[in-house]
Amino acid sequence: MTASPTLRALAGRLGRSGMAGLALLLGAALAYPAFVAEPIARREALLARPADTSVTTSKAAPDAGEVEARLQDFQHSLPAGAAVPQWLGRIRNAAVQSGLTLRSADYKLERTADSAILRYRITLPLSGSYAQVRSFVATVLSEVPALSVDDVQLKREGTSPRTLDARIRLTLFIAQAER
């Protein structure tokens, strides 16, 4: 197959880079329907379809008996009120092991009439480095499973840029004794 004299003249004027550009332009024109137009059409079809607001789950919702059994298991896994001094000792030891200075602590027991779970709110003002505070939080959460960290406030004061004052609020969840 031989090229017509007009095509040869055009190729001569365009040169190699012009021919490469022309080939790319032709390739883009051929690929447009498959790679651009079809995905746009699918997107528009999805947007035109009404949204399915129903949520399907692969497992049926647990019945009331199963929920109650799970709640009882959870409550039995919490520490008893008599064990609070041991858990508080673990929290204090975690602060000391992390190298923090514990100046004082504020404790408050909260009872809810309709719950079998007591909340022991603990506020710890600490001094140390940021790394020590992080180490304390990680250690105390791993060693005291019935504990949550509610708030951490960090403040840098004074002349030492490495030391900061931290105020950490924790909650120790305790199983309430049967009435």
Protein backbone atom coordinates (compact mmCIF):
# COMPACT_ATOMS: atom_id res chain seq x y z
CA MET A 1 0.00 0.00 0.00
CA THR A 2 1.48 3.30 -0.98
CA ALA A 3 0.69 6.65 0.49
CA SER A 4 -0.76 9.33 -1.72
CA PRO A 5 1.50 12.26 -2.67
CA THR A 6 -0.64 14.59 -0.52
CA LEU A 7 -0.07 12.50 2.61
CA ARG A 8 3.68 12.33 1.89
CA ALA A 9 3.83 16.10 1.55
CA LEU A 10 1.88 16.53 4.83
CA ALA A 11 4.19 14.08 6.63
CA GLY A 12 7.22 15.93 5.31
CA ARG A 13 5.93 19.23 6.63
CA LEU A 14 4.93 17.85 10.04
CA GLY A 15 8.14 15.92 10.70
CA ARG A 16 8.49 13.11 13.26
CA SER A 17 7.15 15.04 16.24
CA GLY A 18 4.17 16.29 14.24
CA MET A 19 3.37 12.76 13.08
CA ALA A 20 3.62 11.49 16.67
CA GLY A 21 1.22 14.22 17.79
CA LEU A 22 -1.18 13.37 14.98
CA ALA A 23 -1.05 9.68 15.97
CA LEU A 24 -1.79 10.58 19.60
CA LEU A 25 -4.69 12.78 18.56
CA LEU A 26 -6.13 9.96 16.43
CA GLY A 27 -5.66 7.47 19.32
CA ALA A 28 -7.44 9.80 21.73
CA ALA A 29 -10.34 10.21 19.35
CA LEU A 30 -10.67 6.43 19.04
CA ALA A 31 -10.41 5.85 22.83
CA TYR A 32 -12.87 8.59 23.85
CA PRO A 33 -16.06 6.50 23.59
CA ALA A 34 -14.71 3.64 25.71
CA PHE A 35 -12.75 5.55 28.35
CA VAL A 36 -14.65 8.81 28.74
CA ALA A 37 -18.15 8.75 27.26
CA GLU A 38 -19.19 5.38 28.72
CA PRO A 39 -18.17 6.15 32.36
CA ILE A 40 -19.91 9.54 32.13
CA ALA A 41 -23.09 7.84 30.92
CA ARG A 42 -22.92 5.30 33.78
CA ARG A 43 -22.42 8.08 36.35
CA GLU A 44 -25.40 10.02 35.00
CA ALA A 45 -27.54 6.88 35.10
CA LEU A 46 -26.58 6.30 38.75
CA LEU A 47 -27.34 9.90 39.64
CA ALA A 48 -30.73 9.72 37.93
CA ARG A 49 -31.71 6.60 39.87
CA PRO A 50 -33.51 7.17 43.20
CA ALA A 51 -31.33 6.44 46.22
CA ASP A 52 -31.92 3.20 48.08
CA THR A 53 -32.36 4.28 51.67
CA SER A 54 -32.99 0.82 53.08
CA VAL A 55 -30.11 -0.74 54.95
CA THR A 56 -29.67 -4.44 54.55
CA THR A 57 -27.67 -6.47 56.99
CA SER A 58 -26.44 -9.97 56.63
CA LYS A 59 -27.46 -10.77 60.20
CA ALA A 60 -30.80 -10.25 61.88
CA ALA A 61 -30.95 -7.85 64.82
CA PRO A 62 -30.49 -9.59 68.17
CA ASP A 63 -33.61 -10.20 70.19
CA ALA A 64 -34.17 -8.63 73.60
CA GLY A 65 -33.01 -11.75 75.44
CA GLU A 66 -29.70 -11.79 73.61
CA VAL A 67 -29.15 -8.08 74.28
CA GLU A 68 -29.87 -8.59 77.97
CA ALA A 69 -27.44 -11.55 78.11
CA ARG A 70 -24.70 -9.48 76.44
CA LEU A 71 -25.30 -6.64 78.89
CA GLN A 72 -25.05 -9.04 81.84
CA ASP A 73 -21.79 -10.48 80.47
CA PHE A 74 -20.39 -6.97 80.08
CA GLN A 75 -21.39 -5.97 83.61
CA HIS A 76 -19.81 -9.14 85.04
CA SER A 77 -16.55 -8.30 83.25
CA LEU A 78 -16.26 -4.96 85.10
CA PRO A 79 -14.26 -4.79 88.33
CA ALA A 80 -16.13 -4.93 91.62
CA GLY A 81 -16.30 -1.93 93.92
CA ALA A 82 -14.00 -3.60 96.45
CA ALA A 83 -11.23 -3.76 93.81
CA VAL A 84 -11.17 0.03 93.22
CA PRO A 85 -8.04 0.62 95.37
CA GLN A 86 -6.13 -1.94 93.28
CA TRP A 87 -7.16 -0.28 90.01
CA LEU A 88 -6.31 3.17 91.36
CA GLY A 89 -2.91 1.79 92.36
CA ARG A 90 -2.35 0.57 88.80
CA ILE A 91 -3.20 4.04 87.47
CA ARG A 92 -0.78 5.66 89.92
CA ASN A 93 1.96 3.13 89.09
CA ALA A 94 1.52 3.80 85.38
CA ALA A 95 2.08 7.52 86.03
CA VAL A 96 5.20 6.85 88.11
CA GLN A 97 6.59 4.33 85.57
CA SER A 98 6.08 6.89 82.80
CA GLY A 99 8.20 9.38 84.76
CA LEU A 100 5.38 11.83 85.42
CA THR A 101 5.01 13.90 88.56
CA LEU A 102 1.60 13.33 90.11
CA ARG A 103 0.82 16.26 92.41
CA SER A 104 -2.68 15.28 93.54
CA ALA A 105 -5.79 13.55 92.30
CA ASP A 106 -9.49 14.25 92.39
CA TYR A 107 -11.93 11.34 92.67
CA LYS A 108 -15.71 11.39 92.32
CA LEU A 109 -18.08 8.41 92.38
CA GLU A 110 -21.18 8.79 90.21
CA ARG A 111 -24.22 6.59 90.60
CA THR A 112 -27.13 6.38 88.22
CA ALA A 113 -30.41 5.05 89.58
CA ASP A 114 -31.29 3.04 86.49
CA SER A 115 -27.83 1.55 85.81
CA ALA A 116 -25.88 -1.25 87.41
CA ILE A 117 -22.62 0.46 86.41
CA LEU A 118 -20.87 2.98 88.65
CA ARG A 119 -18.56 5.62 87.21
CA TYR A 120 -15.49 6.61 89.17
CA ARG A 121 -14.34 9.96 87.69
CA ILE A 122 -10.64 10.60 88.19
CA THR A 123 -8.84 13.87 87.44
CA LEU A 124 -5.05 13.75 87.46
CA PRO A 125 -2.89 16.88 87.25
CA LEU A 126 0.52 15.67 85.99
CA SER A 127 3.84 17.22 85.00
CA GLY A 128 6.29 15.81 82.48
CA SER A 129 7.16 15.69 78.81
CA TYR A 130 4.72 15.06 76.00
CA ALA A 131 6.28 11.62 75.41
CA GLN A 132 5.77 10.74 79.08
CA VAL A 133 2.11 11.77 78.95
CA ARG A 134 1.56 9.66 75.81
CA SER A 135 3.32 6.71 77.43
CA PHE A 136 1.12 7.04 80.53
CA VAL A 137 -2.11 7.13 78.52
CA ALA A 138 -1.08 4.08 76.46
CA THR A 139 0.03 2.14 79.54
CA VAL A 140 -3.03 2.93 81.64
CA LEU A 141 -5.42 1.98 78.83
CA SER A 142 -3.71 -1.37 78.31
CA GLU A 143 -3.43 -2.22 82.02
CA VAL A 144 -6.89 -1.07 83.13
CA PRO A 145 -9.43 -2.41 80.62
CA ALA A 146 -12.46 -0.85 82.35
CA LEU A 147 -11.01 2.66 81.99
CA SER A 148 -11.73 5.41 79.50
CA VAL A 149 -9.81 8.60 78.83
CA ASP A 150 -12.36 11.41 78.79
CA ASP A 151 -10.17 14.48 78.40
CA VAL A 152 -6.51 15.43 78.04
CA GLN A 153 -5.44 19.04 78.45
CA LEU A 154 -1.83 20.04 77.89
CA LYS A 155 -0.33 23.37 78.89
CA ARG A 156 3.26 24.54 78.60
CA GLU A 157 4.24 27.07 81.24
CA GLY A 158 7.43 28.30 82.79
CA THR A 159 10.96 28.40 81.48
CA SER A 160 11.41 24.73 80.65
CA PRO A 161 10.22 24.04 77.12
CA ARG A 162 10.40 20.28 77.68
CA THR A 163 8.05 20.14 80.68
CA LEU A 164 4.34 20.64 80.40
CA ASP A 165 1.41 20.49 82.74
CA ALA A 166 -1.24 17.93 81.86
CA ARG A 167 -4.73 17.48 83.21
CA ILE A 168 -6.15 14.06 82.38
CA ARG A 169 -9.72 13.03 83.16
CA LEU A 170 -10.40 9.31 83.34
CA THR A 171 -13.47 7.20 84.10
CA LEU A 172 -13.18 3.82 85.78
CA PHE A 173 -16.33 1.74 85.23
CA ILE A 174 -17.30 -0.45 88.17
CA ALA A 175 -19.96 -3.12 88.57
CA GLN A 176 -22.45 -2.04 91.19
CA ALA A 177 -23.09 -4.64 93.90
CA GLU A 178 -26.53 -6.21 93.88
CA ARG A 179 -29.00 -4.26 96.01
